[in-house]
PDB file of N, CA and C in Angstrom:
ATOM      1  N   MET A   1     115.652 -67.129 156.804  1.00  0.00           N
ATOM      2  CA  MET A   1     116.442 -68.318 156.593  1.00  0.00           C
ATOM      3  C   MET A   1     116.153 -68.835 155.187  1.00  0.00           C
ATOM      4  N   SER A   2     117.177 -69.122 154.417  1.00  0.00           N
ATOM      5  CA  SER A   2     116.980 -69.615 153.064  1.00  0.00           C
ATOM      6  C   SER A   2     116.730 -71.119 153.086  1.00  0.00           C
ATOM      7  N   ARG A   3     115.991 -71.565 152.122  1.00  0.00           N
ATOM      8  CA  ARG A   3     115.672 -72.979 151.991  1.00  0.00           C
ATOM      9  C   ARG A   3     116.446 -73.581 150.837  1.00  0.00           C
ATOM     10  N   GLY A   4     116.783 -74.842 150.955  1.00  0.00           N
ATOM     11  CA  GLY A   4     117.429 -75.555 149.860  1.00  0.00           C
ATOM     12  C   GLY A   4     116.401 -75.883 148.783  1.00  0.00           C
ATOM     13  N   ARG A   5     116.872 -76.220 147.606  1.00  0.00           N
ATOM     14  CA  ARG A   5     115.984 -76.616 146.522  1.00  0.00           C
ATOM     15  C   ARG A   5     115.322 -77.942 146.878  1.00  0.00           C
ATOM     16  N   THR A   6     114.159 -78.182 146.288  1.00  0.00           N
ATOM     17  CA  THR A   6     113.472 -79.442 146.503  1.00  0.00           C
ATOM     18  C   THR A   6     113.355 -80.161 145.176  1.00  0.00           C
ATOM     19  N   LEU A   7     113.716 -81.413 145.149  1.00  0.00           N
ATOM     20  CA  LEU A   7     113.648 -82.231 143.951  1.00  0.00           C
ATOM     21  C   LEU A   7     112.911 -83.510 144.307  1.00  0.00           C
ATOM     22  N   HIS A   8     111.752 -83.701 143.727  1.00  0.00           N
ATOM     23  CA  HIS A   8     110.944 -84.890 143.992  1.00  0.00           C
ATOM     24  C   HIS A   8     110.730 -85.106 145.490  1.00  0.00           C
ATOM     25  N   GLY A   9     110.448 -84.037 146.201  1.00  0.00           N
ATOM     26  CA  GLY A   9     110.158 -84.139 147.620  1.00  0.00           C
ATOM     27  C   GLY A   9     111.367 -84.243 148.522  1.00  0.00           C
ATOM     28  N   MET A  10     112.572 -84.212 147.953  1.00  0.00           N
ATOM     29  CA  MET A  10     113.797 -84.310 148.753  1.00  0.00           C
ATOM     30  C   MET A  10     114.488 -82.952 148.778  1.00  0.00           C
ATOM     31  N   SER A  11     114.795 -82.465 149.947  1.00  0.00           N
ATOM     32  CA  SER A  11     115.477 -81.187 150.082  1.00  0.00           C
ATOM     33  C   SER A  11     116.969 -81.356 149.857  1.00  0.00           C
ATOM     34  N   THR A  12     117.579 -80.349 149.226  1.00  0.00           N
ATOM     35  CA  THR A  12     119.023 -80.368 149.042  1.00  0.00           C
ATOM     36  C   THR A  12     119.726 -79.545 150.114  1.00  0.00           C
ATOM     37  N   GLU A  13     118.958 -79.033 151.060  1.00  0.00           N
ATOM     38  CA  GLU A  13     119.538 -78.256 152.146  1.00  0.00           C
ATOM     39  C   GLU A  13     120.145 -79.197 153.174  1.00  0.00           C
ATOM     40  N   ALA A  14     121.334 -78.854 153.662  1.00  0.00           N
ATOM     41  CA  ALA A  14     121.976 -79.681 154.679  1.00  0.00           C
ATOM     42  C   ALA A  14     121.171 -79.613 155.964  1.00  0.00           C
ATOM     43  N   GLY A  15     120.996 -80.747 156.592  1.00  0.00           N
ATOM     44  CA  GLY A  15     120.263 -80.810 157.844  1.00  0.00           C
ATOM     45  C   GLY A  15     121.205 -81.131 158.982  1.00  0.00           C
ATOM     46  N   PRO A  16     120.681 -81.209 160.211  1.00  0.00           N
ATOM     47  CA  PRO A  16     121.546 -81.456 161.369  1.00  0.00           C
ATOM     48  C   PRO A  16     122.246 -82.810 161.324  1.00  0.00           C
ATOM     49  N   ALA A  17     121.667 -83.802 160.645  1.00  0.00           N
ATOM     50  CA  ALA A  17     122.293 -85.123 160.586  1.00  0.00           C
ATOM     51  C   ALA A  17     123.252 -85.251 159.404  1.00  0.00           C
ATOM     52  N   ASP A  18     123.263 -84.255 158.521  1.00  0.00           N
ATOM     53  CA  ASP A  18     124.138 -84.323 157.360  1.00  0.00           C
ATOM     54  C   ASP A  18     125.584 -84.070 157.769  1.00  0.00           C
ATOM     55  N   PRO A  19     126.503 -84.802 157.158  1.00  0.00           N
ATOM     56  CA  PRO A  19     127.910 -84.637 157.526  1.00  0.00           C
ATOM     57  C   PRO A  19     128.501 -83.350 156.976  1.00  0.00           C
ATOM     58  N   ALA A  20     129.594 -82.958 157.572  1.00  0.00           N
ATOM     59  CA  ALA A  20     130.359 -81.815 157.081  1.00  0.00           C
ATOM     60  C   ALA A  20     131.475 -82.340 156.193  1.00  0.00           C
ATOM     61  N   CYS A  21     131.943 -81.520 155.285  1.00  0.00           N
ATOM     62  CA  CYS A  21     133.039 -81.895 154.397  1.00  0.00           C
ATOM     63  C   CYS A  21     134.300 -82.137 155.224  1.00  0.00           C
ATOM     64  N   PRO A  22     134.927 -83.296 155.065  1.00  0.00           N
ATOM     65  CA  PRO A  22     136.158 -83.580 155.812  1.00  0.00           C
ATOM     66  C   PRO A  22     137.319 -82.645 155.447  1.00  0.00           C
ATOM     67  N   ASP A  23     137.285 -82.053 154.246  1.00  0.00           N
ATOM     68  CA  ASP A  23     138.368 -81.158 153.834  1.00  0.00           C
ATOM     69  C   ASP A  23     138.210 -79.731 154.345  1.00  0.00           C
ATOM     70  N   CYS A  24     136.979 -79.181 154.243  1.00  0.00           N
ATOM     71  CA  CYS A  24     136.799 -77.760 154.580  1.00  0.00           C
ATOM     72  C   CYS A  24     135.763 -77.513 155.669  1.00  0.00           C
ATOM     73  N   ASP A  25     135.117 -78.565 156.168  1.00  0.00           N
ATOM     74  CA  ASP A  25     134.109 -78.489 157.222  1.00  0.00           C
ATOM     75  C   ASP A  25     132.821 -77.785 156.780  1.00  0.00           C
ATOM     76  N   GLY A  26     132.659 -77.545 155.465  1.00  0.00           N
ATOM     77  CA  GLY A  26     131.435 -76.944 154.946  1.00  0.00           C
ATOM     78  C   GLY A  26     130.324 -77.982 154.872  1.00  0.00           C
ATOM     79  N   PRO A  27     129.077 -77.530 154.793  1.00  0.00           N
ATOM     80  CA  PRO A  27     127.964 -78.472 154.705  1.00  0.00           C
ATOM     81  C   PRO A  27     127.976 -79.218 153.371  1.00  0.00           C
ATOM     82  N   LEU A  28     127.632 -80.482 153.417  1.00  0.00           N
ATOM     83  CA  LEU A  28     127.544 -81.301 152.209  1.00  0.00           C
ATOM     84  C   LEU A  28     126.090 -81.385 151.765  1.00  0.00           C
ATOM     85  N   THR A  29     125.855 -81.297 150.465  1.00  0.00           N
ATOM     86  CA  THR A  29     124.523 -81.457 149.904  1.00  0.00           C
ATOM     87  C   THR A  29     124.539 -82.626 148.939  1.00  0.00           C
ATOM     88  N   SER A  30     123.376 -83.214 148.753  1.00  0.00           N
ATOM     89  CA  SER A  30     123.267 -84.374 147.887  1.00  0.00           C
ATOM     90  C   SER A  30     123.514 -83.988 146.437  1.00  0.00           C
ATOM     91  N   GLY A  31     124.314 -84.798 145.763  1.00  0.00           N
ATOM     92  CA  GLY A  31     124.579 -84.592 144.348  1.00  0.00           C
ATOM     93  C   GLY A  31     123.978 -85.704 143.518  1.00  0.00           C
ATOM     94  N   GLY A  32     123.166 -86.568 144.141  1.00  0.00           N
ATOM     95  CA  GLY A  32     122.514 -87.648 143.425  1.00  0.00           C
ATOM     96  C   GLY A  32     122.961 -89.009 143.906  1.00  0.00           C
ATOM     97  N   MET A  33     122.571 -90.015 143.125  1.00  0.00           N
ATOM     98  CA  MET A  33     122.914 -91.392 143.448  1.00  0.00           C
ATOM     99  C   MET A  33     123.345 -92.094 142.173  1.00  0.00           C
ATOM    100  N   LEU A  34     124.160 -93.130 142.332  1.00  0.00           N
ATOM    101  CA  LEU A  34     124.529 -93.946 141.186  1.00  0.00           C
ATOM    102  C   LEU A  34     124.628 -95.392 141.621  1.00  0.00           C
ATOM    103  N   LEU A  35     124.326 -96.280 140.696  1.00  0.00           N
ATOM    104  CA  LEU A  35     124.347 -97.707 140.983  1.00  0.00           C
ATOM    105  C   LEU A  35     125.740 -98.259 140.726  1.00  0.00           C
ATOM    106  N   ALA A  36     126.266 -99.012 141.680  1.00  0.00           N
ATOM    107  CA  ALA A  36     127.622 -99.577 141.560  1.00  0.00           C
ATOM    108  C   ALA A  36     127.641-100.973 142.161  1.00  0.00           C
ATOM    109  N   ARG A  37     128.620-101.746 141.769  1.00  0.00           N
ATOM    110  CA  ARG A  37     128.789-103.078 142.349  1.00  0.00           C
ATOM    111  C   ARG A  37     129.821-102.972 143.471  1.00  0.00           C
ATOM    112  N   ARG A  38     129.419-103.438 144.659  1.00  0.00           N
ATOM    113  CA  ARG A  38     130.318-103.405 145.802  1.00  0.00           C
ATOM    114  C   ARG A  38     131.160-104.672 145.769  1.00  0.00           C
ATOM    115  N   GLU A  39     132.470-104.530 145.766  1.00  0.00           N
ATOM    116  CA  GLU A  39     133.390-105.666 145.638  1.00  0.00           C
ATOM    117  C   GLU A  39     133.306-106.644 146.804  1.00  0.00           C
ATOM    118  N   GLU A  40     133.136-106.155 148.015  1.00  0.00           N
ATOM    119  CA  GLU A  40     133.190-107.032 149.186  1.00  0.00           C
ATOM    120  C   GLU A  40     132.068-108.061 149.249  1.00  0.00           C
ATOM    121  N   ASP A  41     130.890-107.749 148.667  1.00  0.00           N
ATOM    122  CA  ASP A  41     129.791-108.716 148.702  1.00  0.00           C
ATOM    123  C   ASP A  41     129.126-108.925 147.335  1.00  0.00           C
ATOM    124  N   SER A  42     129.695-108.342 146.295  1.00  0.00           N
ATOM    125  CA  SER A  42     129.207-108.473 144.910  1.00  0.00           C
ATOM    126  C   SER A  42     127.765-108.014 144.725  1.00  0.00           C
ATOM    127  N   ARG A  43     127.272-107.175 145.622  1.00  0.00           N
ATOM    128  CA  ARG A  43     125.912-106.643 145.502  1.00  0.00           C
ATOM    129  C   ARG A  43     125.917-105.365 144.691  1.00  0.00           C
ATOM    130  N   ARG A  44     124.813-105.128 143.981  1.00  0.00           N
ATOM    131  CA  ARG A  44     124.614-103.851 143.300  1.00  0.00           C
ATOM    132  C   ARG A  44     123.897-102.933 144.271  1.00  0.00           C
ATOM    133  N   VAL A  45     124.554-101.857 144.642  1.00  0.00           N
ATOM    134  CA  VAL A  45     124.048-100.944 145.659  1.00  0.00           C
ATOM    135  C   VAL A  45     124.294 -99.515 145.182  1.00  0.00           C
ATOM    136  N   CYS A  46     123.393 -98.611 145.541  1.00  0.00           N
ATOM    137  CA  CYS A  46     123.578 -97.203 145.175  1.00  0.00           C
ATOM    138  C   CYS A  46     124.616 -96.544 146.065  1.00  0.00           C
ATOM    139  N   ARG A  47     125.342 -95.623 145.470  1.00  0.00           N
ATOM    140  CA  ARG A  47     126.235 -94.743 146.219  1.00  0.00           C
ATOM    141  C   ARG A  47     125.597 -93.362 146.233  1.00  0.00           C
ATOM    142  N   VAL A  48     125.587 -92.723 147.388  1.00  0.00           N
ATOM    143  CA  VAL A  48     125.102 -91.361 147.533  1.00  0.00           C
ATOM    144  C   VAL A  48     126.283 -90.436 147.302  1.00  0.00           C
ATOM    145  N   VAL A  49     126.129 -89.491 146.380  1.00  0.00           N
ATOM    146  CA  VAL A  49     127.187 -88.528 146.072  1.00  0.00           C
ATOM    147  C   VAL A  49     126.883 -87.246 146.845  1.00  0.00           C
ATOM    148  N   LEU A  50     127.865 -86.744 147.559  1.00  0.00           N
ATOM    149  CA  LEU A  50     127.729 -85.523 148.362  1.00  0.00           C
ATOM    150  C   LEU A  50     128.814 -84.539 147.961  1.00  0.00           C
ATOM    151  N   ARG A  51     128.468 -83.261 147.945  1.00  0.00           N
ATOM    152  CA  ARG A  51     129.474 -82.248 147.604  1.00  0.00           C
ATOM    153  C   ARG A  51     129.260 -80.996 148.439  1.00  0.00           C
ATOM    154  N   CYS A  52     130.325 -80.205 148.522  1.00  0.00           N
ATOM    155  CA  CYS A  52     130.260 -78.951 149.278  1.00  0.00           C
ATOM    156  C   CYS A  52     130.492 -77.781 148.318  1.00  0.00           C
ATOM    157  N   ALA A  53     130.337 -76.577 148.843  1.00  0.00           N
ATOM    158  CA  ALA A  53     130.545 -75.383 148.022  1.00  0.00           C
ATOM    159  C   ALA A  53     132.003 -75.249 147.590  1.00  0.00           C
ATOM    160  N   GLY A  54     132.913 -75.905 148.307  1.00  0.00           N
ATOM    161  CA  GLY A  54     134.328 -75.857 147.961  1.00  0.00           C
ATOM    162  C   GLY A  54     134.711 -76.837 146.869  1.00  0.00           C
ATOM    163  N   ARG A  55     133.707 -77.462 146.230  1.00  0.00           N
ATOM    164  CA  ARG A  55     133.905 -78.395 145.118  1.00  0.00           C
ATOM    165  C   ARG A  55     134.560 -79.719 145.517  1.00  0.00           C
ATOM    166  N   HIS A  56     134.470 -80.066 146.768  1.00  0.00           N
ATOM    167  CA  HIS A  56     134.952 -81.372 147.212  1.00  0.00           C
ATOM    168  C   HIS A  56     133.803 -82.358 147.019  1.00  0.00           C
ATOM    169  N   VAL A  57     134.085 -83.524 146.457  1.00  0.00           N
ATOM    170  CA  VAL A  57     133.048 -84.509 146.162  1.00  0.00           C
ATOM    171  C   VAL A  57     133.358 -85.800 146.913  1.00  0.00           C
ATOM    172  N   TRP A  58     132.359 -86.292 147.640  1.00  0.00           N
ATOM    173  CA  TRP A  58     132.480 -87.490 148.463  1.00  0.00           C
ATOM    174  C   TRP A  58     131.342 -88.431 148.121  1.00  0.00           C
ATOM    175  N   TRP A  59     131.474 -89.699 148.487  1.00  0.00           N
ATOM    176  CA  TRP A  59     130.366 -90.635 148.352  1.00  0.00           C
ATOM    177  C   TRP A  59     130.423 -91.668 149.438  1.00  0.00           C
ATOM    178  N   ARG A  60     129.289 -92.358 149.615  1.00  0.00           N
ATOM    179  CA  ARG A  60     129.199 -93.466 150.568  1.00  0.00           C
ATOM    180  C   ARG A  60     128.088 -94.390 150.095  1.00  0.00           C
ATOM    181  N   TRP A  61     128.075 -95.599 150.630  1.00  0.00           N
ATOM    182  CA  TRP A  61     127.058 -96.571 150.255  1.00  0.00           C
ATOM    183  C   TRP A  61     125.718 -96.148 150.846  1.00  0.00           C
ATOM    184  N   SER A  62     124.653 -96.199 150.049  1.00  0.00           N
ATOM    185  CA  SER A  62     123.345 -95.741 150.515  1.00  0.00           C
ATOM    186  C   SER A  62     122.764 -96.640 151.602  1.00  0.00           C
ATOM    187  N   ASP A  63     123.148 -97.907 151.627  1.00  0.00           N
ATOM    188  CA  ASP A  63     122.633 -98.799 152.663  1.00  0.00           C
ATOM    189  C   ASP A  63     123.471 -98.748 153.938  1.00  0.00           C
ATOM    190  N   ARG A  64     124.443 -97.871 153.975  1.00  0.00           N
ATOM    191  CA  ARG A  64     125.291 -97.675 155.162  1.00  0.00           C
ATOM    192  C   ARG A  64     125.401 -96.178 155.469  1.00  0.00           C
ATOM    193  N   PRO A  65     124.285 -95.538 155.882  1.00  0.00           N
ATOM    194  CA  PRO A  65     124.298 -94.088 156.084  1.00  0.00           C
ATOM    195  C   PRO A  65     125.277 -93.610 157.151  1.00  0.00           C
ATOM    196  N   GLU A  66     125.621 -94.471 158.067  1.00  0.00           N
ATOM    197  CA  GLU A  66     126.590 -94.093 159.101  1.00  0.00           C
ATOM    198  C   GLU A  66     128.011 -94.460 158.692  1.00  0.00           C
ATOM    199  N   GLY A  67     128.169 -95.018 157.496  1.00  0.00           N
ATOM    200  CA  GLY A  67     129.493 -95.421 157.011  1.00  0.00           C
ATOM    201  C   GLY A  67     130.379 -94.219 156.696  1.00  0.00           C
ATOM    202  N   ALA A  68     131.640 -94.504 156.559  1.00  0.00           N
ATOM    203  CA  ALA A  68     132.614 -93.449 156.291  1.00  0.00           C
ATOM    204  C   ALA A  68     132.428 -92.855 154.905  1.00  0.00           C
ATOM    205  N   LEU A  69     132.678 -91.564 154.803  1.00  0.00           N
ATOM    206  CA  LEU A  69     132.695 -90.911 153.497  1.00  0.00           C
ATOM    207  C   LEU A  69     133.992 -91.273 152.793  1.00  0.00           C
ATOM    208  N   GLU A  70     133.899 -91.499 151.506  1.00  0.00           N
ATOM    209  CA  GLU A  70     135.086 -91.774 150.701  1.00  0.00           C
ATOM    210  C   GLU A  70     135.202 -90.684 149.649  1.00  0.00           C
ATOM    211  N   ARG A  71     136.421 -90.281 149.369  1.00  0.00           N
ATOM    212  CA  ARG A  71     136.619 -89.286 148.317  1.00  0.00           C
ATOM    213  C   ARG A  71     136.200 -89.912 146.985  1.00  0.00           C
ATOM    214  N   CYS A  72     135.346 -89.208 146.253  1.00  0.00           N
ATOM    215  CA  CYS A  72     134.880 -89.713 144.963  1.00  0.00           C
ATOM    216  C   CYS A  72     136.038 -89.629 143.951  1.00  0.00           C
ATOM    217  N   PRO A  73     136.367 -90.744 143.289  1.00  0.00           N
ATOM    218  CA  PRO A  73     137.475 -90.719 142.342  1.00  0.00           C
ATOM    219  C   PRO A  73     137.122 -90.075 141.000  1.00  0.00           C
ATOM    220  N   TYR A  74     135.859 -89.683 140.819  1.00  0.00           N
ATOM    221  CA  TYR A  74     135.403 -89.084 139.552  1.00  0.00           C
ATOM    222  C   TYR A  74     134.695 -87.753 139.782  1.00  0.00           C
ATOM    223  N   PRO A  75     135.313 -86.787 140.463  1.00  0.00           N
ATOM    224  CA  PRO A  75     134.604 -85.549 140.801  1.00  0.00           C
ATOM    225  C   PRO A  75     134.140 -84.756 139.577  1.00  0.00           C
ATOM    226  N   GLN A  76     134.828 -84.888 138.464  1.00  0.00           N
ATOM    227  CA  GLN A  76     134.458 -84.133 137.265  1.00  0.00           C
ATOM    228  C   GLN A  76     133.102 -84.580 136.698  1.00  0.00           C
ATOM    229  N   LEU A  77     132.640 -85.780 137.073  1.00  0.00           N
ATOM    230  CA  LEU A  77     131.347 -86.253 136.600  1.00  0.00           C
ATOM    231  C   LEU A  77     130.168 -85.648 137.388  1.00  0.00           C
ATOM    232  N   PHE A  78     130.470 -85.053 138.539  1.00  0.00           N
ATOM    233  CA  PHE A  78     129.411 -84.508 139.379  1.00  0.00           C
ATOM    234  C   PHE A  78     129.624 -83.046 139.590  1.00  0.00           C
TER     235      PHE A  78
END
């Protein structure tokens, strides 16, 4: 069984709780985090960027891990 890369103690391998890509059903791996201002509450919160082997890029709010995935509007940056 192959292992995902490890960066600062965090594995990039998809685990059982990791979501599948809504477009192709492939496993999503972490592509990093970025700080953004959330309009609904004006808080600065990180967004987790997730991507699949099919080059689909998604993100969600880091403080809402069960929240819906949103298509990242800037896939070329990741």
